[in-house]
Amino acid sequence: MIALTGSVADVYNHGSILLGTDDGPSYWALVVTGPQRGKVWVVTEVGAYPYPMPEAVGFLEWVQRWHAGEGWWD
């Protein structure tokens, strides 16, 4: 289980599902409430932002990119 701290816990506990983490303090979250519902965001120690910027992709596109082996930041 991933220990949640700081801003990650704030986001995770308020309308999102934690999808996973990279090799550092970055977490992937699926937003499940509000206007960004169904979109994937990145949560870091300095804040949260849509992936990829400036518009967040939906969960299906995020999974397809991961499955195709595309880099997270492409």
PDB file of N, CA and C in Angstrom:
ATOM      1  N   MET A   1       0.835  -1.176   0.000  1.00  0.00           N
ATOM      2  CA  MET A   1       0.000   0.000   0.000  1.00  0.00           C
ATOM      3  C   MET A   1       0.880   1.240   0.000  1.00  0.00           C
ATOM      4  N   ILE A   2       0.457   2.247  -0.743  1.00  0.00           N
ATOM      5  CA  ILE A   2       1.192   3.498  -0.846  1.00  0.00           C
ATOM      6  C   ILE A   2       0.784   4.413   0.304  1.00  0.00           C
ATOM      7  N   ALA A   3       1.779   4.930   1.028  1.00  0.00           N
ATOM      8  CA  ALA A   3       1.489   5.882   2.100  1.00  0.00           C
ATOM      9  C   ALA A   3       1.217   7.248   1.473  1.00  0.00           C
ATOM     10  N   LEU A   4       0.094   7.828   1.810  1.00  0.00           N
ATOM     11  CA  LEU A   4      -0.284   9.127   1.251  1.00  0.00           C
ATOM     12  C   LEU A   4       0.024  10.237   2.238  1.00  0.00           C
ATOM     13  N   THR A   5       0.681  11.276   1.742  1.00  0.00           N
ATOM     14  CA  THR A   5       1.027  12.389   2.606  1.00  0.00           C
ATOM     15  C   THR A   5       0.716  13.706   1.919  1.00  0.00           C
ATOM     16  N   GLY A   6       0.557  14.741   2.687  1.00  0.00           N
ATOM     17  CA  GLY A   6       0.409  16.099   2.168  1.00  0.00           C
ATOM     18  C   GLY A   6      -0.663  16.258   1.117  1.00  0.00           C
ATOM     19  N   SER A   7      -0.325  16.962   0.035  1.00  0.00           N
ATOM     20  CA  SER A   7      -1.295  17.291  -1.007  1.00  0.00           C
ATOM     21  C   SER A   7      -1.833  16.056  -1.707  1.00  0.00           C
ATOM     22  N   VAL A   8      -1.064  14.980  -1.760  1.00  0.00           N
ATOM     23  CA  VAL A   8      -1.542  13.748  -2.387  1.00  0.00           C
ATOM     24  C   VAL A   8      -2.743  13.216  -1.617  1.00  0.00           C
ATOM     25  N   ALA A   9      -2.656  13.191  -0.308  1.00  0.00           N
ATOM     26  CA  ALA A   9      -3.778  12.718   0.509  1.00  0.00           C
ATOM     27  C   ALA A   9      -4.986  13.625   0.337  1.00  0.00           C
ATOM     28  N   ASP A  10      -4.760  14.924   0.239  1.00  0.00           N
ATOM     29  CA  ASP A  10      -5.870  15.860   0.055  1.00  0.00           C
ATOM     30  C   ASP A  10      -6.618  15.589  -1.242  1.00  0.00           C
ATOM     31  N   VAL A  11      -5.898  15.358  -2.326  1.00  0.00           N
ATOM     32  CA  VAL A  11      -6.526  15.076  -3.614  1.00  0.00           C
ATOM     33  C   VAL A  11      -7.166  13.692  -3.595  1.00  0.00           C
ATOM     34  N   TYR A  12      -6.434  12.710  -3.116  1.00  0.00           N
ATOM     35  CA  TYR A  12      -6.904  11.331  -3.131  1.00  0.00           C
ATOM     36  C   TYR A  12      -8.188  11.154  -2.324  1.00  0.00           C
ATOM     37  N   ASN A  13      -8.288  11.850  -1.231  1.00  0.00           N
ATOM     38  CA  ASN A  13      -9.443  11.703  -0.350  1.00  0.00           C
ATOM     39  C   ASN A  13     -10.629  12.579  -0.748  1.00  0.00           C
ATOM     40  N   HIS A  14     -10.529  13.294  -1.854  1.00  0.00           N
ATOM     41  CA  HIS A  14     -11.599  14.202  -2.257  1.00  0.00           C
ATOM     42  C   HIS A  14     -11.904  14.079  -3.743  1.00  0.00           C
ATOM     43  N   GLY A  15     -12.446  12.938  -4.165  1.00  0.00           N
ATOM     44  CA  GLY A  15     -12.940  12.809  -5.516  1.00  0.00           C
ATOM     45  C   GLY A  15     -12.010  12.250  -6.555  1.00  0.00           C
ATOM     46  N   SER A  16     -11.049  11.444  -6.155  1.00  0.00           N
ATOM     47  CA  SER A  16     -10.182  10.818  -7.137  1.00  0.00           C
ATOM     48  C   SER A  16      -9.767   9.427  -6.675  1.00  0.00           C
ATOM     49  N   ILE A  17      -9.299   8.650  -7.650  1.00  0.00           N
ATOM     50  CA  ILE A  17      -8.798   7.300  -7.377  1.00  0.00           C
ATOM     51  C   ILE A  17      -7.334   7.283  -7.767  1.00  0.00           C
ATOM     52  N   LEU A  18      -6.491   6.829  -6.872  1.00  0.00           N
ATOM     53  CA  LEU A  18      -5.065   6.743  -7.141  1.00  0.00           C
ATOM     54  C   LEU A  18      -4.808   5.593  -8.107  1.00  0.00           C
ATOM     55  N   LEU A  19      -4.195   5.901  -9.255  1.00  0.00           N
ATOM     56  CA  LEU A  19      -3.906   4.887 -10.269  1.00  0.00           C
ATOM     57  C   LEU A  19      -2.533   4.266 -10.083  1.00  0.00           C
ATOM     58  N   GLY A  20      -1.585   5.043  -9.613  1.00  0.00           N
ATOM     59  CA  GLY A  20      -0.232   4.522  -9.453  1.00  0.00           C
ATOM     60  C   GLY A  20       0.751   5.649  -9.277  1.00  0.00           C
ATOM     61  N   THR A  21       2.023   5.289  -9.326  1.00  0.00           N
ATOM     62  CA  THR A  21       3.085   6.257  -9.109  1.00  0.00           C
ATOM     63  C   THR A  21       4.222   6.009 -10.086  1.00  0.00           C
ATOM     64  N   ASP A  22       5.015   7.042 -10.319  1.00  0.00           N
ATOM     65  CA  ASP A  22       6.239   6.905 -11.092  1.00  0.00           C
ATOM     66  C   ASP A  22       7.377   6.651 -10.119  1.00  0.00           C
ATOM     67  N   ASP A  23       8.591   6.669 -10.630  1.00  0.00           N
ATOM     68  CA  ASP A  23       9.756   6.424  -9.787  1.00  0.00           C
ATOM     69  C   ASP A  23      10.131   7.645  -8.966  1.00  0.00           C
ATOM     70  N   GLY A  24       9.193   8.234  -8.341  1.00  0.00           N
ATOM     71  CA  GLY A  24       9.452   9.425  -7.548  1.00  0.00           C
ATOM     72  C   GLY A  24       8.170   9.890  -6.904  1.00  0.00           C
ATOM     73  N   PRO A  25       8.147  11.133  -6.506  1.00  0.00           N
ATOM     74  CA  PRO A  25       6.971  11.642  -5.794  1.00  0.00           C
ATOM     75  C   PRO A  25       5.846  12.122  -6.722  1.00  0.00           C
ATOM     76  N   SER A  26       5.604  11.413  -7.820  1.00  0.00           N
ATOM     77  CA  SER A  26       4.512  11.754  -8.734  1.00  0.00           C
ATOM     78  C   SER A  26       3.485  10.631  -8.719  1.00  0.00           C
ATOM     79  N   TYR A  27       2.221  10.995  -8.599  1.00  0.00           N
ATOM     80  CA  TYR A  27       1.137  10.023  -8.549  1.00  0.00           C
ATOM     81  C   TYR A  27       0.149  10.308  -9.668  1.00  0.00           C
ATOM     82  N   TRP A  28      -0.415   9.257 -10.254  1.00  0.00           N
ATOM     83  CA  TRP A  28      -1.451   9.374 -11.275  1.00  0.00           C
ATOM     84  C   TRP A  28      -2.788   9.206 -10.587  1.00  0.00           C
ATOM     85  N   ALA A  29      -3.705  10.137 -10.829  1.00  0.00           N
ATOM     86  CA  ALA A  29      -5.013  10.083 -10.195  1.00  0.00           C
ATOM     87  C   ALA A  29      -6.112  10.225 -11.244  1.00  0.00           C
ATOM     88  N   LEU A  30      -7.140   9.411 -11.121  1.00  0.00           N
ATOM     89  CA  LEU A  30      -8.320   9.513 -11.965  1.00  0.00           C
ATOM     90  C   LEU A  30      -9.360  10.309 -11.194  1.00  0.00           C
ATOM     91  N   VAL A  31      -9.775  11.433 -11.739  1.00  0.00           N
ATOM     92  CA  VAL A  31     -10.768  12.286 -11.092  1.00  0.00           C
ATOM     93  C   VAL A  31     -12.145  11.642 -11.295  1.00  0.00           C
ATOM     94  N   VAL A  32     -12.914  11.511 -10.217  1.00  0.00           N
ATOM     95  CA  VAL A  32     -14.210  10.826 -10.301  1.00  0.00           C
ATOM     96  C   VAL A  32     -15.401  11.720  -9.956  1.00  0.00           C
ATOM     97  N   THR A  33     -15.153  12.986  -9.650  1.00  0.00           N
ATOM     98  CA  THR A  33     -16.238  13.928  -9.370  1.00  0.00           C
ATOM     99  C   THR A  33     -15.931  15.265 -10.019  1.00  0.00           C
ATOM    100  N   GLY A  34     -16.948  16.086 -10.169  1.00  0.00           N
ATOM    101  CA  GLY A  34     -16.765  17.444 -10.657  1.00  0.00           C
ATOM    102  C   GLY A  34     -16.541  17.543 -12.151  1.00  0.00           C
ATOM    103  N   PRO A  35     -16.177  18.733 -12.615  1.00  0.00           N
ATOM    104  CA  PRO A  35     -16.051  18.979 -14.047  1.00  0.00           C
ATOM    105  C   PRO A  35     -14.918  18.204 -14.722  1.00  0.00           C
ATOM    106  N   GLN A  36     -13.939  17.738 -13.967  1.00  0.00           N
ATOM    107  CA  GLN A  36     -12.830  16.961 -14.530  1.00  0.00           C
ATOM    108  C   GLN A  36     -13.058  15.448 -14.413  1.00  0.00           C
ATOM    109  N   ARG A  37     -14.270  15.058 -14.075  1.00  0.00           N
ATOM    110  CA  ARG A  37     -14.601  13.636 -13.909  1.00  0.00           C
ATOM    111  C   ARG A  37     -14.176  12.840 -15.144  1.00  0.00           C
ATOM    112  N   GLY A  38     -13.482  11.711 -14.903  1.00  0.00           N
ATOM    113  CA  GLY A  38     -13.033  10.845 -15.985  1.00  0.00           C
ATOM    114  C   GLY A  38     -11.682  11.213 -16.562  1.00  0.00           C
ATOM    115  N   LYS A  39     -11.069  12.283 -16.066  1.00  0.00           N
ATOM    116  CA  LYS A  39      -9.776  12.746 -16.567  1.00  0.00           C
ATOM    117  C   LYS A  39      -8.651  12.303 -15.638  1.00  0.00           C
ATOM    118  N   VAL A  40      -7.456  12.158 -16.210  1.00  0.00           N
ATOM    119  CA  VAL A  40      -6.282  11.753 -15.434  1.00  0.00           C
ATOM    120  C   VAL A  40      -5.440  12.987 -15.132  1.00  0.00           C
ATOM    121  N   TRP A  41      -5.049  13.115 -13.880  1.00  0.00           N
ATOM    122  CA  TRP A  41      -4.201  14.207 -13.422  1.00  0.00           C
ATOM    123  C   TRP A  41      -2.943  13.623 -12.773  1.00  0.00           C
ATOM    124  N   VAL A  42      -1.892  14.432 -12.752  1.00  0.00           N
ATOM    125  CA  VAL A  42      -0.658  14.085 -12.061  1.00  0.00           C
ATOM    126  C   VAL A  42      -0.625  14.893 -10.768  1.00  0.00           C
ATOM    127  N   VAL A  43      -0.331  14.227  -9.670  1.00  0.00           N
ATOM    128  CA  VAL A  43      -0.235  14.888  -8.374  1.00  0.00           C
ATOM    129  C   VAL A  43       1.210  14.759  -7.899  1.00  0.00           C
ATOM    130  N   THR A  44       1.839  15.890  -7.614  1.00  0.00           N
ATOM    131  CA  THR A  44       3.222  15.882  -7.147  1.00  0.00           C
ATOM    132  C   THR A  44       3.309  16.612  -5.817  1.00  0.00           C
ATOM    133  N   GLU A  45       4.507  16.695  -5.298  1.00  0.00           N
ATOM    134  CA  GLU A  45       4.701  17.383  -4.026  1.00  0.00           C
ATOM    135  C   GLU A  45       4.456  18.886  -4.135  1.00  0.00           C
ATOM    136  N   VAL A  46       4.417  19.412  -5.350  1.00  0.00           N
ATOM    137  CA  VAL A  46       4.191  20.850  -5.533  1.00  0.00           C
ATOM    138  C   VAL A  46       2.791  21.182  -6.032  1.00  0.00           C
ATOM    139  N   GLY A  47       1.966  20.173  -6.287  1.00  0.00           N
ATOM    140  CA  GLY A  47       0.605  20.435  -6.725  1.00  0.00           C
ATOM    141  C   GLY A  47       0.091  19.387  -7.690  1.00  0.00           C
ATOM    142  N   ALA A  48      -1.056  19.681  -8.295  1.00  0.00           N
ATOM    143  CA  ALA A  48      -1.684  18.761  -9.237  1.00  0.00           C
ATOM    144  C   ALA A  48      -1.947  19.490 -10.546  1.00  0.00           C
ATOM    145  N   TYR A  49      -1.863  18.742 -11.655  1.00  0.00           N
ATOM    146  CA  TYR A  49      -2.129  19.335 -12.960  1.00  0.00           C
ATOM    147  C   TYR A  49      -2.619  18.256 -13.917  1.00  0.00           C
ATOM    148  N   PRO A  50      -3.325  18.675 -14.973  1.00  0.00           N
ATOM    149  CA  PRO A  50      -3.864  17.708 -15.917  1.00  0.00           C
ATOM    150  C   PRO A  50      -2.757  17.037 -16.725  1.00  0.00           C
ATOM    151  N   TYR A  51      -2.994  15.784 -17.106  1.00  0.00           N
ATOM    152  CA  TYR A  51      -2.047  15.072 -17.966  1.00  0.00           C
ATOM    153  C   TYR A  51      -2.689  14.817 -19.304  1.00  0.00           C
ATOM    154  N   PRO A  52      -2.026  15.096 -20.420  1.00  0.00           N
ATOM    155  CA  PRO A  52      -0.886  16.008 -20.501  1.00  0.00           C
ATOM    156  C   PRO A  52      -1.381  17.441 -20.454  1.00  0.00           C
ATOM    157  N   MET A  53      -0.532  18.350 -20.088  1.00  0.00           N
ATOM    158  CA  MET A  53      -0.946  19.745 -20.011  1.00  0.00           C
ATOM    159  C   MET A  53      -1.161  20.276 -21.417  1.00  0.00           C
ATOM    160  N   PRO A  54      -2.045  21.159 -21.695  1.00  0.00           N
ATOM    161  CA  PRO A  54      -2.932  21.843 -20.764  1.00  0.00           C
ATOM    162  C   PRO A  54      -4.269  21.131 -20.562  1.00  0.00           C
ATOM    163  N   GLU A  55      -4.583  20.105 -21.351  1.00  0.00           N
ATOM    164  CA  GLU A  55      -5.852  19.382 -21.224  1.00  0.00           C
ATOM    165  C   GLU A  55      -5.608  17.963 -20.742  1.00  0.00           C
ATOM    166  N   ALA A  56      -6.385  17.537 -19.774  1.00  0.00           N
ATOM    167  CA  ALA A  56      -6.275  16.173 -19.277  1.00  0.00           C
ATOM    168  C   ALA A  56      -6.924  15.206 -20.266  1.00  0.00           C
ATOM    169  N   VAL A  57      -6.344  14.012 -20.395  1.00  0.00           N
ATOM    170  CA  VAL A  57      -6.951  12.970 -21.222  1.00  0.00           C
ATOM    171  C   VAL A  57      -7.870  12.125 -20.361  1.00  0.00           C
ATOM    172  N   GLY A  58      -8.751  11.405 -21.021  1.00  0.00           N
ATOM    173  CA  GLY A  58      -9.621  10.483 -20.312  1.00  0.00           C
ATOM    174  C   GLY A  58      -8.878   9.221 -19.924  1.00  0.00           C
ATOM    175  N   PHE A  59      -9.508   8.441 -19.080  1.00  0.00           N
ATOM    176  CA  PHE A  59      -8.886   7.220 -18.569  1.00  0.00           C
ATOM    177  C   PHE A  59      -8.528   6.258 -19.695  1.00  0.00           C
ATOM    178  N   LEU A  60      -9.423   6.073 -20.666  1.00  0.00           N
ATOM    179  CA  LEU A  60      -9.162   5.128 -21.759  1.00  0.00           C
ATOM    180  C   LEU A  60      -7.912   5.519 -22.537  1.00  0.00           C
ATOM    181  N   GLU A  61      -7.783   6.785 -22.896  1.00  0.00           N
ATOM    182  CA  GLU A  61      -6.590   7.224 -23.627  1.00  0.00           C
ATOM    183  C   GLU A  61      -5.336   7.060 -22.784  1.00  0.00           C
ATOM    184  N   TRP A  62      -5.425   7.329 -21.499  1.00  0.00           N
ATOM    185  CA  TRP A  62      -4.281   7.154 -20.599  1.00  0.00           C
ATOM    186  C   TRP A  62      -3.827   5.694 -20.597  1.00  0.00           C
ATOM    187  N   VAL A  63      -4.790   4.763 -20.488  1.00  0.00           N
ATOM    188  CA  VAL A  63      -4.455   3.338 -20.482  1.00  0.00           C
ATOM    189  C   VAL A  63      -3.880   2.919 -21.836  1.00  0.00           C
ATOM    190  N   GLN A  64      -4.442   3.411 -22.924  1.00  0.00           N
ATOM    191  CA  GLN A  64      -3.931   3.064 -24.257  1.00  0.00           C
ATOM    192  C   GLN A  64      -2.494   3.543 -24.429  1.00  0.00           C
ATOM    193  N   ARG A  65      -2.187   4.733 -23.954  1.00  0.00           N
ATOM    194  CA  ARG A  65      -0.809   5.236 -24.030  1.00  0.00           C
ATOM    195  C   ARG A  65       0.134   4.361 -23.215  1.00  0.00           C
ATOM    196  N   TRP A  66      -0.295   3.994 -22.024  1.00  0.00           N
ATOM    197  CA  TRP A  66       0.525   3.129 -21.170  1.00  0.00           C
ATOM    198  C   TRP A  66       0.747   1.770 -21.833  1.00  0.00           C
ATOM    199  N   HIS A  67      -0.310   1.195 -22.362  1.00  0.00           N
ATOM    200  CA  HIS A  67      -0.237  -0.120 -22.996  1.00  0.00           C
ATOM    201  C   HIS A  67       0.669  -0.098 -24.234  1.00  0.00           C
ATOM    202  N   ALA A  68       0.661   0.999 -24.968  1.00  0.00           N
ATOM    203  CA  ALA A  68       1.482   1.130 -26.172  1.00  0.00           C
ATOM    204  C   ALA A  68       2.940   1.376 -25.836  1.00  0.00           C
ATOM    205  N   GLY A  69       3.245   1.585 -24.560  1.00  0.00           N
ATOM    206  CA  GLY A  69       4.611   1.816 -24.141  1.00  0.00           C
ATOM    207  C   GLY A  69       5.092   3.232 -24.362  1.00  0.00           C
ATOM    208  N   GLU A  70       4.154   4.149 -24.587  1.00  0.00           N
ATOM    209  CA  GLU A  70       4.529   5.547 -24.760  1.00  0.00           C
ATOM    210  C   GLU A  70       5.009   6.122 -23.432  1.00  0.00           C
ATOM    211  N   GLY A  71       5.996   7.002 -23.502  1.00  0.00           N
ATOM    212  CA  GLY A  71       6.467   7.647 -22.289  1.00  0.00           C
ATOM    213  C   GLY A  71       5.385   8.514 -21.691  1.00  0.00           C
ATOM    214  N   TRP A  72       5.390   8.635 -20.387  1.00  0.00           N
ATOM    215  CA  TRP A  72       4.380   9.431 -19.707  1.00  0.00           C
ATOM    216  C   TRP A  72       4.378  10.865 -20.170  1.00  0.00           C
ATOM    217  N   TRP A  73       5.514  11.374 -20.535  1.00  0.00           N
ATOM    218  CA  TRP A  73       5.624  12.798 -20.840  1.00  0.00           C
ATOM    219  C   TRP A  73       5.674  13.097 -22.324  1.00  0.00           C
ATOM    220  N   ASP A  74       5.360  12.118 -23.174  1.00  0.00           N
ATOM    221  CA  ASP A  74       5.336  12.328 -24.631  1.00  0.00           C
ATOM    222  C   ASP A  74       4.143  13.147 -25.048  1.00  0.00           C
TER     223      ASP A  74
END
